[in-house]
Amino acid sequence: MKMIVAVIQPEKLTDVKEALMAAGVGKMTAKNVIGCGQQGGYKESYRGAVTEVNLLKKVELQIAVNEDFVKPTVDAIIQGARTGNIGDGKIFILDLPECIRIRTGETGKAAIG
């Protein structure tokens, strides 16, 4: 079992969800987050005061999958999120030692579904 964490541009969320659904992955958690990577940030001026904005709005997706869904999930995220520009995001793949479905008590691969 793996936990796939993807940080993407907010405007690409709909495209990523559509690509994931087409790949057969429909279960995910999405959070609005702020952060910066290689993209850095930008400067803006408000009433003559220049402010550096280096924490940018992003969306973080968390998707728990069984081993056979890792590649299709990653491919779908890339397909939906890629623009070719800096700031497209990152994907992290973590080992998931255990999963428990609260409703039924199922554990492991059966709990992920």
Protein backbone atom coordinates (compact mmCIF):
# COMPACT_ATOMS: atom_id res chain seq x y z
CA MET A 1 0.00 0.00 0.00
CA LYS A 2 1.18 3.50 -0.81
CA MET A 3 0.16 7.03 0.11
CA ILE A 4 0.50 9.38 -2.84
CA VAL A 5 0.76 13.04 -1.89
CA ALA A 6 0.60 15.55 -4.73
CA VAL A 7 0.97 19.33 -4.49
CA ILE A 8 -0.56 21.00 -7.54
CA GLN A 9 -1.75 24.36 -8.84
CA PRO A 10 -5.31 25.12 -7.61
CA GLU A 11 -6.59 25.80 -11.12
CA LYS A 12 -5.52 22.28 -12.21
CA LEU A 13 -7.59 20.47 -9.56
CA THR A 14 -10.54 19.82 -11.90
CA ASP A 15 -8.25 18.47 -14.64
CA VAL A 16 -6.46 16.19 -12.15
CA LYS A 17 -9.75 14.88 -10.71
CA GLU A 18 -11.03 14.10 -14.22
CA ALA A 19 -7.80 12.29 -15.11
CA LEU A 20 -7.93 10.31 -11.84
CA MET A 21 -11.56 9.30 -12.45
CA ALA A 22 -10.66 8.15 -15.96
CA ALA A 23 -7.87 6.02 -14.40
CA GLY A 24 -10.32 4.44 -11.96
CA VAL A 25 -9.14 6.36 -8.91
CA GLY A 26 -12.02 8.13 -7.22
CA LYS A 27 -11.03 8.31 -3.57
CA MET A 28 -8.90 11.21 -2.40
CA THR A 29 -8.51 13.96 0.15
CA ALA A 30 -7.85 17.52 -1.02
CA LYS A 31 -6.59 20.42 1.10
CA ASN A 32 -5.85 24.04 0.35
CA VAL A 33 -2.27 24.75 1.40
CA ILE A 34 0.35 27.44 0.93
CA GLY A 35 4.01 26.92 0.17
CA CYS A 36 6.86 27.57 -2.16
CA GLY A 37 9.41 25.56 -4.02
CA GLN A 38 11.60 26.38 -6.97
CA GLN A 39 8.92 28.79 -8.17
CA GLY A 40 9.85 31.12 -5.30
CA GLY A 41 7.16 33.78 -5.33
CA TYR A 42 6.52 37.27 -6.61
CA LYS A 43 6.43 40.90 -5.52
CA GLU A 44 3.34 43.05 -5.50
CA SER A 45 2.70 46.67 -4.70
CA TYR A 46 -0.23 47.89 -2.63
CA ARG A 47 -0.58 51.60 -2.00
CA GLY A 48 3.07 52.13 -2.73
CA ALA A 49 4.32 49.43 -0.37
CA VAL A 50 6.14 46.55 -2.06
CA THR A 51 5.44 43.16 -0.51
CA GLU A 52 7.16 39.89 -1.36
CA VAL A 53 4.75 36.98 -1.56
CA ASN A 54 6.71 33.74 -1.32
CA LEU A 55 4.04 31.39 0.02
CA LEU A 56 1.74 30.60 -2.90
CA LYS A 57 -1.68 28.93 -2.92
CA LYS A 58 -1.55 25.23 -3.80
CA VAL A 59 -3.78 22.17 -3.44
CA GLU A 60 -2.49 19.04 -1.72
CA LEU A 61 -4.04 15.71 -2.69
CA GLN A 62 -3.66 12.60 -0.56
CA ILE A 63 -4.54 9.33 -2.23
CA ALA A 64 -4.10 5.90 -0.62
CA VAL A 65 -3.74 3.14 -3.21
CA ASN A 66 -2.79 -0.50 -3.49
CA GLU A 67 0.46 -1.30 -5.31
CA ASP A 68 -1.19 -1.94 -8.69
CA PHE A 69 -2.72 1.56 -8.74
CA VAL A 70 0.47 3.55 -8.05
CA LYS A 71 1.55 4.05 -11.67
CA PRO A 72 -1.94 4.81 -13.06
CA THR A 73 -2.48 7.31 -10.23
CA VAL A 74 0.84 9.07 -10.76
CA ASP A 75 0.34 9.13 -14.54
CA ALA A 76 -3.14 10.65 -14.12
CA ILE A 77 -1.88 13.36 -11.77
CA ILE A 78 0.91 14.26 -14.20
CA GLN A 79 -1.52 14.30 -17.13
CA GLY A 80 -3.94 16.60 -15.34
CA ALA A 81 -1.45 18.91 -13.62
CA ARG A 82 1.35 19.40 -16.15
CA THR A 83 1.57 22.75 -17.92
CA GLY A 84 5.30 22.63 -18.60
CA ASN A 85 5.87 25.73 -16.49
CA ILE A 86 7.70 26.11 -13.22
CA GLY A 87 5.34 25.58 -10.28
CA ASP A 88 3.41 22.61 -11.69
CA GLY A 89 3.96 20.79 -8.39
CA LYS A 90 5.42 17.65 -6.89
CA ILE A 91 4.34 14.07 -6.23
CA PHE A 92 5.53 12.13 -3.19
CA ILE A 93 5.05 8.37 -2.84
CA LEU A 94 5.18 7.07 0.73
CA ASP A 95 4.88 3.59 2.17
CA LEU A 96 1.58 3.08 3.96
CA PRO A 97 2.09 0.41 6.62
CA GLU A 98 -1.57 0.07 7.64
CA CYS A 99 -5.06 1.20 6.74
CA ILE A 100 -8.27 0.55 8.67
CA ARG A 101 -11.80 1.19 7.44
CA ILE A 102 -13.66 2.44 10.50
CA ARG A 103 -17.14 1.40 9.34
CA THR A 104 -16.34 -2.30 8.79
CA GLY A 105 -13.08 -2.85 10.63
CA GLU A 106 -11.39 -4.08 7.43
CA THR A 107 -7.63 -3.68 7.38
CA GLY A 108 -4.89 -3.56 4.78
CA LYS A 109 -5.62 -3.71 1.05
CA ALA A 110 -9.31 -4.46 1.60
CA ALA A 111 -9.71 -1.23 3.58
CA ILE A 112 -8.34 0.92 0.74
CA GLY A 113 -10.71 -0.64 -1.79
